[in-house]
């Protein structure tokens, strides 16, 4: 008789670390951490309570501490850095590349930053100061200064001899950057062109001129959109005069995309992607209190609208049963449009020319959905309460609320964006308030006029 073999899921690093901590075998923990990538160690640290992090951190390989800190969220990173001695912080950050170091320097204590700068060679210090001169969420803040630059007026054979002399290339290098004698960016030289063409061919004959330099002040979100549209692995960063400053690599862009996705998901609930999942309960409660307070105000507004029609509700109890349907349908319809528009804004797909067409299209969608679901819900309400008048009232309320929800879902993020408010953070609250108030007012107002 054949026996079935049950396939077991592989044990994750988090499960292995948790088991080792439970058993108290710290020697085994050190061996496991030696085998793990810094990003994996950071993931494990973020997934465990603060007390377990404090047990694990001393066993993280010293050469990996800098990269581990780099991959941690702001709050978890700060909690670990606060417990490190200044000399430990300096040692941990010395192994980082300039662009990565620039992400950590603003969070380091001043005495540690000063010591770190003193320990750096002049060229490295100047490179770091160059990156720090740009905001973190711009192309200049993302760029890596470790580039390989060649001139257009040399042969591929000269380039090959230069690369052999150099000995190694920066990670994620697929192109060399071509500049003139004054450092102005001219184009890209793919590595494939170097190894597949006659060595006597000039660089200018095979270099690519169709990839423009990215302005150093371009927002990081737009940089990510450029990489997505053009399928880039690396891209040059230039200053206002067109001089090459550095390069952006796909790994930096992936971090931007992930951070934006986390922000869009968590902001709708009033949370931050940098918050520690295992922060003390009092700290988390304090952070969430303002968001709950805002929602309380919107709920009180909706309740006040309902209170205006108290006599109507007392005489027609069926209305109280059906009210949640009106508000819920409007909220869902509006959130669909809201999500679509916020995504369009994030991807740079909405501009002044096409906004009006989108609003008109979403309004039409709201009306069509309103007509369809008005008929469906009217039939259900009529059969439920055996009163065609209630069917007419809820049908009209559903139609009105879904149409208003569609318009609101399209307009709210645009207005918030213009006011400088994050649509992902405030959009859902404003939308819910509008759909609740309009839905209740339309439903109970129509009921007052038609049923009493």
Protein backbone atom coordinates (compact mmCIF):
# COMPACT_ATOMS: atom_id res chain seq x y z
CA UNK A 1 0.00 0.00 0.00
CA UNK A 2 1.49 3.29 -1.14
CA UNK A 3 1.96 5.86 1.53
CA UNK A 4 1.29 9.48 0.85
CA UNK A 5 4.14 11.83 1.50
CA UNK A 6 3.01 15.09 3.00
CA UNK A 7 5.05 17.96 1.62
CA UNK A 8 6.12 20.24 4.43
CA UNK A 9 6.63 23.94 3.92
CA UNK A 10 10.23 25.10 4.41
CA UNK A 11 11.03 26.67 7.76
CA UNK A 12 11.51 30.42 7.47
CA UNK A 13 14.43 32.34 8.95
CA UNK A 14 12.02 33.96 11.41
CA UNK A 15 10.83 30.57 12.63
CA UNK A 16 14.40 29.30 12.97
CA UNK A 17 15.49 32.35 14.94
CA UNK A 18 12.41 32.16 17.17
CA UNK A 19 13.08 28.50 17.91
CA UNK A 20 16.74 29.20 18.76
CA UNK A 21 15.73 32.05 21.08
CA UNK A 22 13.24 29.76 22.81
CA UNK A 23 15.92 27.09 23.28
CA UNK A 24 18.49 29.67 24.42
CA UNK A 25 21.23 28.35 22.10
CA UNK A 26 23.01 31.64 21.34
CA UNK A 27 25.98 29.92 19.68
CA UNK A 28 23.65 28.46 17.09
CA UNK A 29 22.08 31.91 16.69
CA UNK A 30 25.46 33.43 15.79
CA UNK A 31 26.05 30.74 13.19
CA UNK A 32 22.64 31.27 11.64
CA UNK A 33 23.05 35.05 11.44
CA UNK A 34 26.45 34.60 9.75
CA UNK A 35 24.68 32.75 6.93
CA UNK A 36 21.87 35.28 6.47
CA UNK A 37 21.81 38.30 4.17
CA UNK A 38 21.64 41.67 6.00
CA UNK A 39 18.18 42.33 4.53
CA UNK A 40 16.96 38.99 5.92
CA UNK A 41 18.37 39.81 9.36
CA UNK A 42 16.58 43.17 9.25
CA UNK A 43 13.31 41.41 8.35
CA UNK A 44 13.68 39.08 11.33
CA UNK A 45 14.47 41.97 13.70
CA UNK A 46 11.39 43.90 12.59
CA UNK A 47 9.26 40.79 13.08
CA UNK A 48 10.21 40.27 16.73
CA UNK A 49 9.46 42.19 19.96
CA UNK A 50 12.03 44.66 21.30
CA UNK A 51 13.28 42.27 24.00
CA UNK A 52 14.18 39.64 21.38
CA UNK A 53 15.89 42.23 19.20
CA UNK A 54 18.16 43.16 22.08
CA UNK A 55 19.16 39.49 22.44
CA UNK A 56 19.84 39.10 18.72
CA UNK A 57 21.70 42.33 17.95
CA UNK A 58 25.00 41.49 19.73
CA UNK A 59 25.22 38.35 17.58
CA UNK A 60 24.80 40.15 14.23
CA UNK A 61 28.13 39.97 12.33
CA UNK A 62 30.01 43.26 12.80
CA UNK A 63 30.64 43.62 9.06
CA UNK A 64 26.90 43.37 8.38
CA UNK A 65 25.64 45.81 11.05
CA UNK A 66 25.65 48.84 8.73
CA UNK A 67 23.61 47.15 6.01
CA UNK A 68 21.21 45.69 8.57
CA UNK A 69 20.57 49.16 10.01
CA UNK A 70 20.02 50.46 6.50
CA UNK A 71 17.25 47.92 5.81
CA UNK A 72 15.37 48.56 9.06
CA UNK A 73 12.41 50.91 9.40
CA UNK A 74 13.17 54.27 10.99
CA UNK A 75 11.74 53.47 14.40
CA UNK A 76 13.37 50.05 14.79
CA UNK A 77 16.69 51.44 13.53
CA UNK A 78 16.56 54.31 16.03
CA UNK A 79 15.84 51.95 18.92
CA UNK A 80 18.94 49.87 18.13
CA UNK A 81 21.21 52.83 17.36
CA UNK A 82 20.31 54.45 20.69
CA UNK A 83 21.84 51.45 22.47
CA UNK A 84 25.06 51.42 20.43
CA UNK A 85 28.23 53.15 21.59
CA UNK A 86 29.57 55.91 19.30
CA UNK A 87 32.57 53.84 18.25
CA UNK A 88 30.24 50.96 17.33
CA UNK A 89 28.14 53.25 15.12
CA UNK A 90 31.23 54.59 13.38
CA UNK A 91 32.52 51.07 12.74
CA UNK A 92 29.12 49.91 11.45
CA UNK A 93 28.73 52.78 8.98
CA UNK A 94 32.29 52.78 7.63
CA UNK A 95 31.54 49.78 5.41
CA UNK A 96 28.58 51.43 3.62
CA UNK A 97 28.60 52.95 0.16
CA UNK A 98 28.27 56.71 -0.03
CA UNK A 99 24.63 56.73 -1.15
CA UNK A 100 23.66 54.26 1.59
CA UNK A 101 25.64 56.18 4.20
CA UNK A 102 23.76 59.35 3.23
CA UNK A 103 20.51 57.65 4.30
CA UNK A 104 21.86 57.03 7.81
CA UNK A 105 23.87 60.17 8.53
CA UNK A 106 20.84 62.40 9.31
CA UNK A 107 19.82 59.94 12.05
CA UNK A 108 23.26 59.63 13.67
CA UNK A 109 24.19 61.65 16.78
CA UNK A 110 26.26 64.72 15.95
CA UNK A 111 29.38 63.42 17.70
CA UNK A 112 29.18 60.18 15.70
CA UNK A 113 28.69 62.09 12.44
CA UNK A 114 31.69 64.30 13.18
CA UNK A 115 33.87 61.30 14.01
CA UNK A 116 32.72 59.51 10.87
CA UNK A 117 33.51 62.51 8.65
CA UNK A 118 36.96 62.88 10.24
CA UNK A 119 37.73 59.23 9.54
CA UNK A 120 36.85 59.53 5.83
CA UNK A 121 39.25 60.49 3.07
CA UNK A 122 38.72 63.92 1.54
CA UNK A 123 37.28 62.57 -1.72
CA UNK A 124 34.81 60.30 0.08
CA UNK A 125 33.77 63.13 2.39
CA UNK A 126 33.12 65.42 -0.56
CA UNK A 127 31.08 62.70 -2.27
CA UNK A 128 28.99 62.23 0.86
CA UNK A 129 28.40 65.96 1.24
CA UNK A 130 27.34 66.06 -2.41
CA UNK A 131 24.63 63.45 -1.84
CA UNK A 132 23.49 65.07 1.42
CA UNK A 133 22.99 68.38 -0.39
CA UNK A 134 19.88 66.91 -2.09
CA UNK A 135 16.60 66.00 -0.37
CA UNK A 136 16.29 62.30 0.40
CA UNK A 137 13.22 61.83 -1.81
CA UNK A 138 14.82 63.16 -5.00
CA UNK A 139 17.04 61.67 -7.69
CA UNK A 140 20.05 63.39 -6.12
CA UNK A 141 19.24 61.83 -2.76
CA UNK A 142 18.95 58.37 -4.32
CA UNK A 143 22.02 58.49 -6.55
CA UNK A 144 25.20 56.48 -6.17
CA UNK A 145 28.40 58.38 -6.94
CA UNK A 146 30.33 55.22 -7.85
CA UNK A 147 30.26 55.54 -11.65
CA UNK A 148 32.54 54.49 -14.51
CA UNK A 149 33.04 57.36 -16.94
CA UNK A 150 34.65 57.31 -20.40
CA UNK A 151 35.09 59.83 -23.20
CA UNK A 152 33.47 59.68 -26.61
CA UNK A 153 36.70 60.26 -28.56
CA UNK A 154 38.50 57.06 -27.54
CA UNK A 155 38.35 53.53 -28.96
CA UNK A 156 36.71 50.50 -27.38
CA UNK A 157 40.18 48.99 -27.02
CA UNK A 158 41.17 51.88 -24.74
CA UNK A 159 37.98 51.34 -22.73
CA UNK A 160 38.77 47.63 -22.32
CA UNK A 161 42.30 48.34 -21.14
CA UNK A 162 40.95 50.92 -18.68
CA UNK A 163 38.43 48.41 -17.27
CA UNK A 164 41.14 45.76 -16.85
CA UNK A 165 43.31 48.28 -15.04
CA UNK A 166 40.38 49.26 -12.81
CA UNK A 167 39.89 45.61 -11.86
CA UNK A 168 36.21 45.67 -10.84
CA UNK A 169 32.96 47.39 -11.68
CA UNK A 170 30.30 48.81 -9.36
CA UNK A 171 27.38 46.49 -8.68
CA UNK A 172 24.46 46.58 -11.14
CA UNK A 173 26.64 48.04 -13.91
CA UNK A 174 25.17 47.50 -17.36
CA UNK A 175 26.42 50.72 -18.99
CA UNK A 176 29.37 53.05 -18.78
CA UNK A 177 28.67 56.78 -18.82
CA UNK A 178 30.05 58.94 -21.62
CA UNK A 179 30.97 62.57 -20.88
CA UNK A 180 32.95 65.35 -22.50
CA UNK A 181 36.07 66.85 -20.98
CA UNK A 182 34.01 69.17 -18.79
CA UNK A 183 31.94 66.33 -17.35
CA UNK A 184 28.76 66.99 -19.34
CA UNK A 185 26.73 63.83 -19.88
CA UNK A 186 26.59 62.69 -23.53
CA UNK A 187 25.20 59.15 -23.48
CA UNK A 188 25.59 55.53 -22.39
CA UNK A 189 28.02 52.88 -23.53
CA UNK A 190 26.47 49.40 -23.05
CA UNK A 191 28.87 46.71 -21.90
CA UNK A 192 27.52 44.49 -24.68
CA UNK A 193 28.76 47.00 -27.28
CA UNK A 194 32.25 46.88 -25.80
CA UNK A 195 32.62 43.10 -26.08
CA UNK A 196 30.81 42.54 -29.40
CA UNK A 197 32.34 45.27 -31.58
CA UNK A 198 35.71 45.82 -33.23
CA UNK A 199 38.09 47.20 -30.56
CA UNK A 200 39.19 49.95 -32.97
CA UNK A 201 35.69 51.47 -33.18
CA UNK A 202 35.27 54.81 -31.44
CA UNK A 203 32.98 55.08 -28.40
CA UNK A 204 30.90 57.80 -30.09
CA UNK A 205 30.01 55.38 -32.89
CA UNK A 206 28.30 52.82 -30.65
CA UNK A 207 27.15 54.77 -27.59
CA UNK A 208 23.44 55.34 -26.90
CA UNK A 209 22.22 58.92 -27.07
CA UNK A 210 18.53 58.17 -26.46
CA UNK A 211 18.69 57.99 -22.64
CA UNK A 212 18.46 61.45 -21.13
CA UNK A 213 20.02 62.29 -17.80
CA UNK A 214 17.66 62.47 -14.83
CA UNK A 215 17.58 65.92 -13.16
CA UNK A 216 18.94 65.73 -9.62
CA UNK A 217 15.86 67.47 -8.20
CA UNK A 218 13.34 65.09 -9.81
CA UNK A 219 11.07 63.52 -7.12
CA UNK A 220 11.82 59.88 -6.30
CA UNK A 221 8.30 58.80 -7.31
CA UNK A 222 8.86 60.17 -10.81
CA UNK A 223 12.24 58.46 -10.98
CA UNK A 224 10.51 55.15 -10.21
CA UNK A 225 7.95 55.83 -12.94
CA UNK A 226 10.77 56.47 -15.44
CA UNK A 227 12.47 53.18 -14.57
CA UNK A 228 9.16 51.35 -14.95
CA UNK A 229 8.28 52.86 -18.32
CA UNK A 230 11.74 52.50 -19.84
CA UNK A 231 12.77 49.18 -18.21
CA UNK A 232 15.98 50.76 -16.91
CA UNK A 233 18.59 49.04 -14.75
CA UNK A 234 20.75 52.11 -14.22
CA UNK A 235 20.30 55.75 -15.23
CA UNK A 236 22.50 58.87 -15.08
CA UNK A 237 21.78 61.81 -12.76
CA UNK A 238 22.74 65.28 -13.98
CA UNK A 239 22.76 68.80 -12.58
CA UNK A 240 21.14 71.86 -14.13
CA UNK A 241 24.08 72.34 -16.47
CA UNK A 242 23.92 68.73 -17.69
CA UNK A 243 27.04 67.58 -15.83
CA UNK A 244 27.06 63.97 -14.68
CA UNK A 245 26.66 63.68 -10.89
CA UNK A 246 26.08 59.97 -10.36
CA UNK A 247 23.74 57.12 -11.20
CA UNK A 248 20.55 55.56 -9.90
CA UNK A 249 20.29 51.76 -9.82
CA UNK A 250 17.28 49.50 -9.92
CA UNK A 251 17.76 48.33 -6.31
CA UNK A 252 17.24 51.91 -5.09
CA UNK A 253 14.13 52.24 -7.25
CA UNK A 254 12.70 48.99 -5.89
CA UNK A 255 13.02 50.47 -2.39
CA UNK A 256 11.12 53.57 -3.53
CA UNK A 257 8.33 51.48 -5.07
CA UNK A 258 8.04 49.33 -1.93
CA UNK A 259 7.94 52.37 0.34
CA UNK A 260 5.23 54.01 -1.77
CA UNK A 261 3.17 50.82 -1.74
CA UNK A 262 3.50 50.52 2.04
CA UNK A 263 2.58 54.18 2.44
CA UNK A 264 -0.52 53.88 0.25
CA UNK A 265 -1.71 50.81 2.17
CA UNK A 266 -1.06 52.07 5.70
CA UNK A 267 -1.95 55.74 5.20
CA UNK A 268 -5.60 54.85 4.58
CA UNK A 269 -5.71 53.62 8.19
CA UNK A 270 -3.72 56.53 9.59
CA UNK A 271 -0.57 54.44 10.06
CA UNK A 272 3.02 54.94 8.93
CA UNK A 273 5.29 52.44 7.20
CA UNK A 274 8.08 53.52 9.56
CA UNK A 275 6.18 52.60 12.74
CA UNK A 276 7.44 49.67 14.78
CA UNK A 277 4.92 46.82 14.66
CA UNK A 278 5.97 45.86 18.20
CA UNK A 279 6.09 49.36 19.66
CA UNK A 280 4.70 49.64 23.23
CA UNK A 281 0.91 49.61 23.38
CA UNK A 282 0.78 53.10 24.88
CA UNK A 283 2.87 54.51 22.03
CA UNK A 284 0.75 52.85 19.33
CA UNK A 285 -2.46 53.93 21.05
CA UNK A 286 -1.27 57.55 21.22
CA UNK A 287 -0.44 57.56 17.51
CA UNK A 288 -3.80 56.16 16.50
CA UNK A 289 -5.85 58.44 18.75
CA UNK A 290 -5.90 61.44 16.37
CA UNK A 291 -7.12 59.27 13.51
CA UNK A 292 -9.88 57.81 15.68
CA UNK A 293 -10.78 61.32 16.79
CA UNK A 294 -11.19 62.49 13.21
CA UNK A 295 -13.39 59.50 12.44
CA UNK A 296 -15.46 60.23 15.55
CA UNK A 297 -16.15 63.74 14.28
CA UNK A 298 -17.27 62.43 10.90
CA UNK A 299 -19.47 59.82 12.59
CA UNK A 300 -21.05 62.49 14.79
CA UNK A 301 -21.81 64.52 11.67
CA UNK A 302 -23.56 61.54 10.08
CA UNK A 303 -25.45 60.88 13.32
CA UNK A 304 -26.55 64.53 13.45
CA UNK A 305 -28.01 64.18 9.96
CA UNK A 306 -29.91 61.07 11.07
CA UNK A 307 -31.15 62.93 14.14
CA UNK A 308 -32.75 65.56 11.93
CA UNK A 309 -35.13 62.88 10.71
CA UNK A 310 -35.91 61.24 14.05
CA UNK A 311 -39.72 61.65 13.67
CA UNK A 312 -39.54 59.94 10.28
CA UNK A 313 -37.58 57.01 11.70
CA UNK A 314 -40.00 56.65 14.61
CA UNK A 315 -42.98 56.36 12.23
CA UNK A 316 -41.31 54.17 9.58
CA UNK A 317 -39.04 51.69 11.39
CA UNK A 318 -38.11 49.95 8.13
CA UNK A 319 -35.97 52.96 7.22
CA UNK A 320 -33.59 52.26 10.11
CA UNK A 321 -33.10 48.73 8.80
CA UNK A 322 -32.33 49.89 5.25
CA UNK A 323 -30.11 52.91 6.06
CA UNK A 324 -26.83 50.94 6.27
CA UNK A 325 -27.38 49.66 2.72
CA UNK A 326 -27.46 53.17 1.28
CA UNK A 327 -24.32 54.29 3.11
CA UNK A 328 -22.42 51.07 2.41
CA UNK A 329 -23.14 51.04 -1.32
CA UNK A 330 -22.05 54.68 -1.63
CA UNK A 331 -18.88 54.06 0.37
CA UNK A 332 -17.82 51.09 -1.75
CA UNK A 333 -18.58 52.83 -5.06
CA UNK A 334 -16.69 55.93 -3.97
CA UNK A 335 -13.66 54.00 -2.71
CA UNK A 336 -13.32 52.25 -6.07
CA UNK A 337 -13.02 55.59 -7.85
CA UNK A 338 -10.86 57.06 -5.09
CA UNK A 339 -8.36 54.19 -5.34
CA UNK A 340 -8.24 54.48 -9.13
CA UNK A 341 -7.54 58.23 -9.03
CA UNK A 342 -4.92 58.01 -6.24
CA UNK A 343 -3.09 55.35 -8.25
CA UNK A 344 -3.28 57.53 -11.36
CA UNK A 345 -1.77 60.44 -9.44
CA UNK A 346 0.99 58.26 -8.00
CA UNK A 347 1.92 56.97 -11.47
CA UNK A 348 1.76 60.42 -13.05
CA UNK A 349 -1.07 59.44 -15.40
CA UNK A 350 -3.34 62.36 -14.55
CA UNK A 351 -2.80 65.87 -15.87
CA UNK A 352 -4.98 68.93 -16.43
CA UNK A 353 -5.95 67.75 -19.91
CA UNK A 354 -7.40 64.38 -18.94
CA UNK A 355 -8.77 65.05 -15.45
CA UNK A 356 -12.12 66.36 -16.71
CA UNK A 357 -12.62 63.34 -18.94
CA UNK A 358 -11.91 61.01 -16.03
CA UNK A 359 -14.40 62.82 -13.78
CA UNK A 360 -17.08 62.62 -16.51
CA UNK A 361 -16.34 58.94 -17.10
CA UNK A 362 -16.48 58.05 -13.40
CA UNK A 363 -19.72 60.01 -13.01
CA UNK A 364 -21.22 57.96 -15.86
CA UNK A 365 -20.03 54.77 -14.15
CA UNK A 366 -21.66 55.90 -10.90
CA UNK A 367 -24.96 56.65 -12.63
CA UNK A 368 -25.00 53.33 -14.50
CA UNK A 369 -24.18 51.36 -11.36
CA UNK A 370 -26.73 53.46 -9.47
CA UNK A 371 -29.49 52.58 -11.95
CA UNK A 372 -28.69 48.88 -11.88
CA UNK A 373 -28.40 48.51 -8.11
CA UNK A 374 -31.34 50.82 -7.48
CA UNK A 375 -33.56 48.33 -9.34
CA UNK A 376 -32.05 45.34 -7.52
CA UNK A 377 -32.30 46.86 -4.03
CA UNK A 378 -35.76 48.28 -4.71
CA UNK A 379 -37.00 44.81 -5.62
CA UNK A 380 -35.49 43.34 -2.44
CA UNK A 381 -36.91 46.11 -0.22
CA UNK A 382 -40.35 45.84 -1.84
CA UNK A 383 -40.48 42.09 -1.26
CA UNK A 384 -39.12 42.46 2.27
CA UNK A 385 -41.52 45.14 3.55
CA UNK A 386 -44.35 44.74 1.03
CA UNK A 387 -44.40 48.50 0.40
CA UNK A 388 -43.63 49.85 -3.06
CA UNK A 389 -43.15 53.36 -1.65
CA UNK A 390 -40.11 52.22 0.34
CA UNK A 391 -38.79 50.63 -2.86
CA UNK A 392 -39.06 53.95 -4.69
CA UNK A 393 -37.37 55.88 -1.87
CA UNK A 394 -34.38 53.57 -1.49
CA UNK A 395 -33.96 53.28 -5.27
CA UNK A 396 -33.73 57.06 -5.64
CA UNK A 397 -31.38 57.32 -2.64
CA UNK A 398 -29.07 54.63 -4.04
CA UNK A 399 -28.95 56.36 -7.43
CA UNK A 400 -28.15 59.74 -5.87
CA UNK A 401 -25.54 58.39 -3.47
CA UNK A 402 -23.67 56.29 -6.05
CA UNK A 403 -23.52 59.22 -8.46
CA UNK A 404 -22.27 61.58 -5.75
CA UNK A 405 -19.81 58.93 -4.52
CA UNK A 406 -18.30 58.56 -7.99
CA UNK A 407 -17.85 62.31 -8.43
CA UNK A 408 -16.45 62.65 -4.90
CA UNK A 409 -14.03 59.75 -5.35
CA UNK A 410 -12.63 61.44 -8.45
CA UNK A 411 -12.53 65.03 -7.19
CA UNK A 412 -11.41 64.59 -3.55
CA UNK A 413 -7.85 63.34 -4.24
CA UNK A 414 -7.35 66.06 -6.86
CA UNK A 415 -8.43 68.78 -4.44
CA UNK A 416 -6.35 67.35 -1.59
CA UNK A 417 -3.30 67.11 -3.85
CA UNK A 418 -3.70 70.76 -4.82
CA UNK A 419 -3.98 71.73 -1.14
CA UNK A 420 -0.76 69.87 -0.36
CA UNK A 421 -2.51 67.09 1.60
CA UNK A 422 -1.69 63.42 0.99
CA UNK A 423 -4.77 61.91 -0.75
CA UNK A 424 -3.92 58.44 0.55
CA UNK A 425 -4.04 59.71 4.13
CA UNK A 426 -7.13 61.95 4.12
CA UNK A 427 -9.07 60.83 1.06
CA UNK A 428 -10.94 57.91 2.60
CA UNK A 429 -12.07 59.94 5.64
CA UNK A 430 -13.45 62.76 3.52
CA UNK A 431 -15.10 60.33 1.12
CA UNK A 432 -16.76 58.32 3.89
CA UNK A 433 -18.13 61.49 5.44
CA UNK A 434 -19.62 62.66 2.13
CA UNK A 435 -21.19 59.32 1.20
CA UNK A 436 -22.65 58.83 4.70
CA UNK A 437 -24.08 62.35 4.94
CA UNK A 438 -25.42 62.43 1.38
CA UNK A 439 -26.77 58.89 1.61
CA UNK A 440 -28.59 59.42 4.90
CA UNK A 441 -29.87 62.86 3.90
CA UNK A 442 -31.15 61.65 0.53
CA UNK A 443 -32.76 58.51 1.94
CA UNK A 444 -34.39 60.05 4.99
CA UNK A 445 -35.22 63.31 3.22
CA UNK A 446 -37.00 61.50 0.42
CA UNK A 447 -38.75 59.28 2.93
CA UNK A 448 -39.99 62.35 4.82
CA UNK A 449 -41.37 63.90 1.65
CA UNK A 450 -42.84 60.76 0.15
CA UNK A 451 -43.91 58.51 3.03
CA UNK A 452 -45.29 60.96 5.61
